[in-house]
PDB file of N, CA and C in Angstrom:
ATOM      1  N   MET A   1     -36.133   9.925   6.430  1.00  0.00           N
ATOM      2  CA  MET A   1     -35.832   8.786   7.290  1.00  0.00           C
ATOM      3  C   MET A   1     -35.375   9.293   8.647  1.00  0.00           C
ATOM      4  N   SER A   2     -35.847   8.688   9.697  1.00  0.00           N
ATOM      5  CA  SER A   2     -35.543   9.107  11.058  1.00  0.00           C
ATOM      6  C   SER A   2     -34.181   8.597  11.508  1.00  0.00           C
ATOM      7  N   ASP A   3     -33.536   9.390  12.367  1.00  0.00           N
ATOM      8  CA  ASP A   3     -32.265   8.971  12.959  1.00  0.00           C
ATOM      9  C   ASP A   3     -32.474   8.107  14.191  1.00  0.00           C
ATOM     10  N   GLU A   4     -33.722   7.940  14.620  1.00  0.00           N
ATOM     11  CA  GLU A   4     -34.026   7.140  15.797  1.00  0.00           C
ATOM     12  C   GLU A   4     -33.784   5.668  15.495  1.00  0.00           C
ATOM     13  N   PRO A   5     -33.193   4.932  16.439  1.00  0.00           N
ATOM     14  CA  PRO A   5     -33.002   3.495  16.210  1.00  0.00           C
ATOM     15  C   PRO A   5     -34.338   2.779  16.123  1.00  0.00           C
ATOM     16  N   ARG A   6     -34.399   1.737  15.297  1.00  0.00           N
ATOM     17  CA  ARG A   6     -35.645   0.976  15.135  1.00  0.00           C
ATOM     18  C   ARG A   6     -35.989   0.196  16.391  1.00  0.00           C
ATOM     19  N   ASN A   7     -34.988  -0.198  17.148  1.00  0.00           N
ATOM     20  CA  ASN A   7     -35.211  -0.986  18.348  1.00  0.00           C
ATOM     21  C   ASN A   7     -34.358  -0.402  19.478  1.00  0.00           C
ATOM     22  N   PRO A   8     -34.785   0.739  20.024  1.00  0.00           N
ATOM     23  CA  PRO A   8     -33.970   1.380  21.056  1.00  0.00           C
ATOM     24  C   PRO A   8     -33.892   0.536  22.324  1.00  0.00           C
ATOM     25  N   PRO A   9     -32.781   0.669  23.061  1.00  0.00           N
ATOM     26  CA  PRO A   9     -32.646  -0.069  24.322  1.00  0.00           C
ATOM     27  C   PRO A   9     -33.772   0.304  25.290  1.00  0.00           C
ATOM     28  N   GLY A  10     -34.219  -0.655  26.052  1.00  0.00           N
ATOM     29  CA  GLY A  10     -35.296  -0.439  27.003  1.00  0.00           C
ATOM     30  C   GLY A  10     -34.798  -0.296  28.430  1.00  0.00           C
ATOM     31  N   THR A  11     -35.721  -0.403  29.355  1.00  0.00           N
ATOM     32  CA  THR A  11     -35.431  -0.228  30.775  1.00  0.00           C
ATOM     33  C   THR A  11     -34.426  -1.250  31.290  1.00  0.00           C
ATOM     34  N   ALA A  12     -34.575  -2.514  30.890  1.00  0.00           N
ATOM     35  CA  ALA A  12     -33.649  -3.551  31.368  1.00  0.00           C
ATOM     36  C   ALA A  12     -32.228  -3.256  30.906  1.00  0.00           C
ATOM     37  N   ALA A  13     -32.064  -2.789  29.674  1.00  0.00           N
ATOM     38  CA  ALA A  13     -30.729  -2.446  29.168  1.00  0.00           C
ATOM     39  C   ALA A  13     -30.150  -1.278  29.956  1.00  0.00           C
ATOM     40  N   HIS A  14     -30.982  -0.294  30.257  1.00  0.00           N
ATOM     41  CA  HIS A  14     -30.530   0.846  31.061  1.00  0.00           C
ATOM     42  C   HIS A  14     -30.102   0.368  32.453  1.00  0.00           C
ATOM     43  N   ASN A  15     -30.921  -0.481  33.059  1.00  0.00           N
ATOM     44  CA  ASN A  15     -30.581  -1.010  34.385  1.00  0.00           C
ATOM     45  C   ASN A  15     -29.260  -1.764  34.336  1.00  0.00           C
ATOM     46  N   ALA A  16     -29.087  -2.607  33.319  1.00  0.00           N
ATOM     47  CA  ALA A  16     -27.853  -3.387  33.198  1.00  0.00           C
ATOM     48  C   ALA A  16     -26.648  -2.468  33.078  1.00  0.00           C
ATOM     49  N   ARG A  17     -26.726  -1.479  32.213  1.00  0.00           N
ATOM     50  CA  ARG A  17     -25.605  -0.528  32.047  1.00  0.00           C
ATOM     51  C   ARG A  17     -25.275   0.162  33.356  1.00  0.00           C
ATOM     52  N   THR A  18     -26.309   0.629  34.038  1.00  0.00           N
ATOM     53  CA  THR A  18     -26.118   1.351  35.295  1.00  0.00           C
ATOM     54  C   THR A  18     -25.517   0.442  36.359  1.00  0.00           C
ATOM     55  N   ASN A  19     -26.039  -0.771  36.465  1.00  0.00           N
ATOM     56  CA  ASN A  19     -25.538  -1.725  37.470  1.00  0.00           C
ATOM     57  C   ASN A  19     -24.111  -2.168  37.163  1.00  0.00           C
ATOM     58  N   ILE A  20     -23.802  -2.401  35.901  1.00  0.00           N
ATOM     59  CA  ILE A  20     -22.437  -2.793  35.520  1.00  0.00           C
ATOM     60  C   ILE A  20     -21.461  -1.695  35.913  1.00  0.00           C
ATOM     61  N   GLN A  21     -21.793  -0.464  35.579  1.00  0.00           N
ATOM     62  CA  GLN A  21     -20.901   0.649  35.919  1.00  0.00           C
ATOM     63  C   GLN A  21     -20.751   0.785  37.435  1.00  0.00           C
ATOM     64  N   ARG A  22     -21.859   0.698  38.159  1.00  0.00           N
ATOM     65  CA  ARG A  22     -21.814   0.828  39.620  1.00  0.00           C
ATOM     66  C   ARG A  22     -20.950  -0.273  40.241  1.00  0.00           C
ATOM     67  N   LEU A  23     -21.175  -1.505  39.841  1.00  0.00           N
ATOM     68  CA  LEU A  23     -20.418  -2.621  40.407  1.00  0.00           C
ATOM     69  C   LEU A  23     -18.936  -2.538  40.036  1.00  0.00           C
ATOM     70  N   ARG A  24     -18.656  -2.155  38.805  1.00  0.00           N
ATOM     71  CA  ARG A  24     -17.264  -2.011  38.373  1.00  0.00           C
ATOM     72  C   ARG A  24     -16.560  -0.949  39.200  1.00  0.00           C
ATOM     73  N   GLU A  25     -17.226   0.178  39.412  1.00  0.00           N
ATOM     74  CA  GLU A  25     -16.629   1.260  40.198  1.00  0.00           C
ATOM     75  C   GLU A  25     -16.496   0.875  41.669  1.00  0.00           C
ATOM     76  N   GLU A  26     -17.480   0.186  42.223  1.00  0.00           N
ATOM     77  CA  GLU A  26     -17.399  -0.263  43.625  1.00  0.00           C
ATOM     78  C   GLU A  26     -16.207  -1.183  43.839  1.00  0.00           C
ATOM     79  N   ARG A  27     -15.864  -1.942  42.819  1.00  0.00           N
ATOM     80  CA  ARG A  27     -14.760  -2.897  42.908  1.00  0.00           C
ATOM     81  C   ARG A  27     -13.429  -2.279  42.459  1.00  0.00           C
ATOM     82  N   HIS A  28     -13.472  -0.979  42.151  1.00  0.00           N
ATOM     83  CA  HIS A  28     -12.274  -0.268  41.682  1.00  0.00           C
ATOM     84  C   HIS A  28     -11.624  -1.021  40.527  1.00  0.00           C
ATOM     85  N   LEU A  29     -12.460  -1.392  39.568  1.00  0.00           N
ATOM     86  CA  LEU A  29     -12.050  -2.226  38.450  1.00  0.00           C
ATOM     87  C   LEU A  29     -12.027  -1.392  37.174  1.00  0.00           C
ATOM     88  N   PRO A  30     -10.845  -0.986  36.722  1.00  0.00           N
ATOM     89  CA  PRO A  30     -10.772  -0.213  35.476  1.00  0.00           C
ATOM     90  C   PRO A  30     -11.194  -1.066  34.277  1.00  0.00           C
ATOM     91  N   TYR A  31     -11.596  -0.405  33.203  1.00  0.00           N
ATOM     92  CA  TYR A  31     -12.001  -1.119  31.997  1.00  0.00           C
ATOM     93  C   TYR A  31     -10.940  -2.122  31.554  1.00  0.00           C
ATOM     94  N   ARG A  32      -9.691  -1.732  31.588  1.00  0.00           N
ATOM     95  CA  ARG A  32      -8.612  -2.605  31.113  1.00  0.00           C
ATOM     96  C   ARG A  32      -8.582  -3.916  31.916  1.00  0.00           C
ATOM     97  N   GLU A  33      -8.730  -3.817  33.234  1.00  0.00           N
ATOM     98  CA  GLU A  33      -8.711  -5.013  34.079  1.00  0.00           C
ATOM     99  C   GLU A  33      -9.958  -5.866  33.851  1.00  0.00           C
ATOM    100  N   LEU A  34     -11.119  -5.229  33.759  1.00  0.00           N
ATOM    101  CA  LEU A  34     -12.350  -5.970  33.496  1.00  0.00           C
ATOM    102  C   LEU A  34     -12.246  -6.683  32.153  1.00  0.00           C
ATOM    103  N   SER A  35     -11.716  -6.001  31.153  1.00  0.00           N
ATOM    104  CA  SER A  35     -11.521  -6.600  29.837  1.00  0.00           C
ATOM    105  C   SER A  35     -10.596  -7.811  29.916  1.00  0.00           C
ATOM    106  N   ALA A  36      -9.517  -7.699  30.668  1.00  0.00           N
ATOM    107  CA  ALA A  36      -8.574  -8.812  30.828  1.00  0.00           C
ATOM    108  C   ALA A  36      -9.259 -10.000  31.498  1.00  0.00           C
ATOM    109  N   GLN A  37     -10.073  -9.739  32.516  1.00  0.00           N
ATOM    110  CA  GLN A  37     -10.767 -10.822  33.210  1.00  0.00           C
ATOM    111  C   GLN A  37     -11.794 -11.494  32.299  1.00  0.00           C
ATOM    112  N   LEU A  38     -12.475 -10.702  31.492  1.00  0.00           N
ATOM    113  CA  LEU A  38     -13.434 -11.259  30.538  1.00  0.00           C
ATOM    114  C   LEU A  38     -12.719 -12.130  29.499  1.00  0.00           C
ATOM    115  N   THR A  39     -11.572 -11.671  29.032  1.00  0.00           N
ATOM    116  CA  THR A  39     -10.794 -12.446  28.062  1.00  0.00           C
ATOM    117  C   THR A  39     -10.354 -13.763  28.678  1.00  0.00           C
ATOM    118  N   GLU A  40      -9.879 -13.704  29.907  1.00  0.00           N
ATOM    119  CA  GLU A  40      -9.450 -14.917  30.605  1.00  0.00           C
ATOM    120  C   GLU A  40     -10.610 -15.890  30.790  1.00  0.00           C
ATOM    121  N   ALA A  41     -11.808 -15.363  30.965  1.00  0.00           N
ATOM    122  CA  ALA A  41     -12.996 -16.191  31.149  1.00  0.00           C
ATOM    123  C   ALA A  41     -13.556 -16.713  29.819  1.00  0.00           C
ATOM    124  N   GLY A  42     -12.948 -16.311  28.702  1.00  0.00           N
ATOM    125  CA  GLY A  42     -13.388 -16.800  27.407  1.00  0.00           C
ATOM    126  C   GLY A  42     -14.417 -15.956  26.698  1.00  0.00           C
ATOM    127  N   HIS A  43     -14.662 -14.761  27.196  1.00  0.00           N
ATOM    128  CA  HIS A  43     -15.625 -13.853  26.548  1.00  0.00           C
ATOM    129  C   HIS A  43     -14.998 -12.459  26.430  1.00  0.00           C
ATOM    130  N   PRO A  44     -14.062 -12.308  25.487  1.00  0.00           N
ATOM    131  CA  PRO A  44     -13.367 -11.027  25.392  1.00  0.00           C
ATOM    132  C   PRO A  44     -14.281  -9.879  24.966  1.00  0.00           C
ATOM    133  N   ILE A  45     -14.167  -8.778  25.685  1.00  0.00           N
ATOM    134  CA  ILE A  45     -14.786  -7.505  25.299  1.00  0.00           C
ATOM    135  C   ILE A  45     -13.686  -6.466  25.473  1.00  0.00           C
ATOM    136  N   PRO A  46     -13.255  -5.818  24.388  1.00  0.00           N
ATOM    137  CA  PRO A  46     -12.202  -4.808  24.516  1.00  0.00           C
ATOM    138  C   PRO A  46     -12.618  -3.681  25.461  1.00  0.00           C
ATOM    139  N   SER A  47     -11.643  -3.087  26.108  1.00  0.00           N
ATOM    140  CA  SER A  47     -11.936  -2.055  27.110  1.00  0.00           C
ATOM    141  C   SER A  47     -12.722  -0.890  26.518  1.00  0.00           C
ATOM    142  N   TYR A  48     -12.425  -0.495  25.271  1.00  0.00           N
ATOM    143  CA  TYR A  48     -13.166   0.632  24.688  1.00  0.00           C
ATOM    144  C   TYR A  48     -14.635   0.265  24.495  1.00  0.00           C
ATOM    145  N   GLN A  49     -14.924  -1.013  24.229  1.00  0.00           N
ATOM    146  CA  GLN A  49     -16.319  -1.433  24.076  1.00  0.00           C
ATOM    147  C   GLN A  49     -17.044  -1.481  25.416  1.00  0.00           C
ATOM    148  N   LEU A  50     -16.312  -1.732  26.489  1.00  0.00           N
ATOM    149  CA  LEU A  50     -16.938  -1.661  27.819  1.00  0.00           C
ATOM    150  C   LEU A  50     -17.383  -0.234  28.102  1.00  0.00           C
ATOM    151  N   GLY A  51     -16.564   0.730  27.731  1.00  0.00           N
ATOM    152  CA  GLY A  51     -16.948   2.136  27.886  1.00  0.00           C
ATOM    153  C   GLY A  51     -18.167   2.473  27.048  1.00  0.00           C
ATOM    154  N   GLN A  52     -18.202   1.957  25.820  1.00  0.00           N
ATOM    155  CA  GLN A  52     -19.360   2.186  24.953  1.00  0.00           C
ATOM    156  C   GLN A  52     -20.610   1.543  25.533  1.00  0.00           C
ATOM    157  N   LEU A  53     -20.449   0.369  26.115  1.00  0.00           N
ATOM    158  CA  LEU A  53     -21.570  -0.338  26.717  1.00  0.00           C
ATOM    159  C   LEU A  53     -22.166   0.486  27.858  1.00  0.00           C
ATOM    160  N   GLU A  54     -21.297   0.971  28.746  1.00  0.00           N
ATOM    161  CA  GLU A  54     -21.792   1.763  29.885  1.00  0.00           C
ATOM    162  C   GLU A  54     -22.411   3.080  29.429  1.00  0.00           C
ATOM    163  N   ALA A  55     -21.940   3.624  28.314  1.00  0.00           N
ATOM    164  CA  ALA A  55     -22.473   4.893  27.796  1.00  0.00           C
ATOM    165  C   ALA A  55     -23.739   4.698  26.970  1.00  0.00           C
ATOM    166  N   GLY A  56     -24.123   3.455  26.741  1.00  0.00           N
ATOM    167  CA  GLY A  56     -25.311   3.191  25.939  1.00  0.00           C
ATOM    168  C   GLY A  56     -25.052   3.262  24.450  1.00  0.00           C
ATOM    169  N   GLU A  57     -23.795   3.261  24.059  1.00  0.00           N
ATOM    170  CA  GLU A  57     -23.430   3.332  22.641  1.00  0.00           C
ATOM    171  C   GLU A  57     -23.232   1.943  22.036  1.00  0.00           C
ATOM    172  N   ARG A  58     -23.264   0.925  22.854  1.00  0.00           N
ATOM    173  CA  ARG A  58     -23.114  -0.465  22.412  1.00  0.00           C
ATOM    174  C   ARG A  58     -24.157  -1.285  23.150  1.00  0.00           C
ATOM    175  N   ARG A  59     -24.874  -2.119  22.400  1.00  0.00           N
ATOM    176  CA  ARG A  59     -25.883  -2.982  23.018  1.00  0.00           C
ATOM    177  C   ARG A  59     -25.211  -4.107  23.780  1.00  0.00           C
ATOM    178  N   ILE A  60     -25.863  -4.586  24.802  1.00  0.00           N
ATOM    179  CA  ILE A  60     -25.373  -5.724  25.577  1.00  0.00           C
ATOM    180  C   ILE A  60     -26.203  -6.938  25.176  1.00  0.00           C
ATOM    181  N   ASP A  61     -25.520  -8.032  24.814  1.00  0.00           N
ATOM    182  CA  ASP A  61     -26.262  -9.236  24.475  1.00  0.00           C
ATOM    183  C   ASP A  61     -26.259 -10.197  25.668  1.00  0.00           C
ATOM    184  N   VAL A  62     -26.963 -11.291  25.529  1.00  0.00           N
ATOM    185  CA  VAL A  62     -27.127 -12.245  26.632  1.00  0.00           C
ATOM    186  C   VAL A  62     -25.783 -12.812  27.071  1.00  0.00           C
ATOM    187  N   ASP A  63     -24.913 -13.124  26.114  1.00  0.00           N
ATOM    188  CA  ASP A  63     -23.600 -13.673  26.463  1.00  0.00           C
ATOM    189  C   ASP A  63     -22.757 -12.646  27.217  1.00  0.00           C
ATOM    190  N   ASP A  64     -22.822 -11.372  26.786  1.00  0.00           N
ATOM    191  CA  ASP A  64     -22.126 -10.300  27.504  1.00  0.00           C
ATOM    192  C   ASP A  64     -22.647 -10.211  28.935  1.00  0.00           C
ATOM    193  N   LEU A  65     -23.972 -10.223  29.068  1.00  0.00           N
ATOM    194  CA  LEU A  65     -24.607 -10.094  30.377  1.00  0.00           C
ATOM    195  C   LEU A  65     -24.157 -11.204  31.317  1.00  0.00           C
ATOM    196  N   ALA A  66     -24.154 -12.436  30.820  1.00  0.00           N
ATOM    197  CA  ALA A  66     -23.756 -13.575  31.644  1.00  0.00           C
ATOM    198  C   ALA A  66     -22.284 -13.475  32.049  1.00  0.00           C
ATOM    199  N   ALA A  67     -21.418 -13.119  31.109  1.00  0.00           N
ATOM    200  CA  ALA A  67     -19.988 -13.026  31.408  1.00  0.00           C
ATOM    201  C   ALA A  67     -19.704 -11.886  32.384  1.00  0.00           C
ATOM    202  N   LEU A  68     -20.325 -10.743  32.180  1.00  0.00           N
ATOM    203  CA  LEU A  68     -20.115  -9.606  33.082  1.00  0.00           C
ATOM    204  C   LEU A  68     -20.636  -9.920  34.481  1.00  0.00           C
ATOM    205  N   ALA A  69     -21.792 -10.559  34.557  1.00  0.00           N
ATOM    206  CA  ALA A  69     -22.345 -10.929  35.867  1.00  0.00           C
ATOM    207  C   ALA A  69     -21.384 -11.856  36.600  1.00  0.00           C
ATOM    208  N   ASP A  70     -20.831 -12.830  35.891  1.00  0.00           N
ATOM    209  CA  ASP A  70     -19.905 -13.773  36.504  1.00  0.00           C
ATOM    210  C   ASP A  70     -18.671 -13.051  37.045  1.00  0.00           C
ATOM    211  N   ILE A  71     -18.089 -12.188  36.258  1.00  0.00           N
ATOM    212  CA  ILE A  71     -16.880 -11.460  36.675  1.00  0.00           C
ATOM    213  C   ILE A  71     -17.195 -10.524  37.842  1.00  0.00           C
ATOM    214  N   LEU A  72     -18.373  -9.898  37.805  1.00  0.00           N
ATOM    215  CA  LEU A  72     -18.737  -8.935  38.854  1.00  0.00           C
ATOM    216  C   LEU A  72     -19.322  -9.622  40.098  1.00  0.00           C
ATOM    217  N   GLY A  73     -19.502 -10.943  40.054  1.00  0.00           N
ATOM    218  CA  GLY A  73     -19.950 -11.684  41.229  1.00  0.00           C
ATOM    219  C   GLY A  73     -21.425 -11.550  41.551  1.00  0.00           C
ATOM    220  N   VAL A  74     -22.241 -11.384  40.509  1.00  0.00           N
ATOM    221  CA  VAL A  74     -23.690 -11.289  40.694  1.00  0.00           C
ATOM    222  C   VAL A  74     -24.356 -12.205  39.670  1.00  0.00           C
ATOM    223  N   THR A  75     -25.668 -12.344  39.772  1.00  0.00           N
ATOM    224  CA  THR A  75     -26.402 -13.107  38.768  1.00  0.00           C
ATOM    225  C   THR A  75     -26.785 -12.171  37.623  1.00  0.00           C
ATOM    226  N   PRO A  76     -27.021 -12.727  36.438  1.00  0.00           N
ATOM    227  CA  PRO A  76     -27.492 -11.866  35.344  1.00  0.00           C
ATOM    228  C   PRO A  76     -28.766 -11.107  35.715  1.00  0.00           C
ATOM    229  N   GLY A  77     -29.650 -11.761  36.468  1.00  0.00           N
ATOM    230  CA  GLY A  77     -30.883 -11.093  36.884  1.00  0.00           C
ATOM    231  C   GLY A  77     -30.638  -9.871  37.743  1.00  0.00           C
ATOM    232  N   GLU A  78     -29.611  -9.931  38.578  1.00  0.00           N
ATOM    233  CA  GLU A  78     -29.293  -8.779  39.426  1.00  0.00           C
ATOM    234  C   GLU A  78     -28.851  -7.576  38.604  1.00  0.00           C
ATOM    235  N   LEU A  79     -28.296  -7.820  37.425  1.00  0.00           N
ATOM    236  CA  LEU A  79     -27.902  -6.695  36.570  1.00  0.00           C
ATOM    237  C   LEU A  79     -29.104  -6.044  35.899  1.00  0.00           C
ATOM    238  N   LEU A  80     -30.206  -6.764  35.790  1.00  0.00           N
ATOM    239  CA  LEU A  80     -31.367  -6.272  35.060  1.00  0.00           C
ATOM    240  C   LEU A  80     -32.371  -5.505  35.916  1.00  0.00           C
ATOM    241  N   VAL A  81     -32.284  -5.637  37.228  1.00  0.00           N
ATOM    242  CA  VAL A  81     -33.245  -4.965  38.106  1.00  0.00           C
ATOM    243  C   VAL A  81     -32.820  -3.499  38.322  1.00  0.00           C
ATOM    244  N   PRO A  82     -33.761  -2.659  38.708  1.00  0.00           N
ATOM    245  CA  PRO A  82     -33.394  -1.265  38.956  1.00  0.00           C
ATOM    246  C   PRO A  82     -32.279  -1.171  39.991  1.00  0.00           C
ATOM    247  N   PRO A  83     -31.329  -0.292  39.750  1.00  0.00           N
ATOM    248  CA  PRO A  83     -30.215  -0.128  40.697  1.00  0.00           C
ATOM    249  C   PRO A  83     -30.697   0.380  42.044  1.00  0.00           C
ATOM    250  N   PRO A  84     -29.942   0.087  43.097  1.00  0.00           N
ATOM    251  CA  PRO A  84     -30.317   0.596  44.426  1.00  0.00           C
ATOM    252  C   PRO A  84     -30.485   2.121  44.393  1.00  0.00           C
ATOM    253  N   GLY A  85     -31.537   2.571  45.027  1.00  0.00           N
ATOM    254  CA  GLY A  85     -31.772   4.011  45.116  1.00  0.00           C
ATOM    255  C   GLY A  85     -32.481   4.613  43.912  1.00  0.00           C
ATOM    256  N   SER A  86     -32.769   3.794  42.880  1.00  0.00           N
ATOM    257  CA  SER A  86     -33.448   4.353  41.711  1.00  0.00           C
ATOM    258  C   SER A  86     -34.955   4.416  41.988  1.00  0.00           C
ATOM    259  N   THR A  87     -35.625   5.226  41.229  1.00  0.00           N
ATOM    260  CA  THR A  87     -37.064   5.389  41.412  1.00  0.00           C
ATOM    261  C   THR A  87     -37.842   4.541  40.426  1.00  0.00           C
ATOM    262  N   ALA A  88     -37.128   3.772  39.596  1.00  0.00           N
ATOM    263  CA  ALA A  88     -37.800   2.933  38.579  1.00  0.00           C
ATOM    264  C   ALA A  88     -38.358   1.672  39.184  1.00  0.00           C
TER     265      ALA A  88
END
C-alpha cells in the first residue's frame, strides 16, 4: 500500500496556503491573533492548526477559506490565484 494520499492537494490549495501565509505575515499577524479573530468571527481554528494549514499538513475547506479571506481582507478567490511573483 502506498503512503501517497489518495487525493493530494492541488495547485489551488498550494496557492491558498501561500497567499494566507503571505497576507498574515504582511499584516504582522501571529497565529495566536489570527486564531482569536477567527474565533470571534464564529469560525475557530486553533493556532497550531493554522501552522499546519500553511505547512500543507492540514487541508483547507471552503468554510476555512471564506473565514480566512474575511479576516485577511480579501475575497476567497484572491486566495486561490497564484501569489504575486509566482511563475504558476
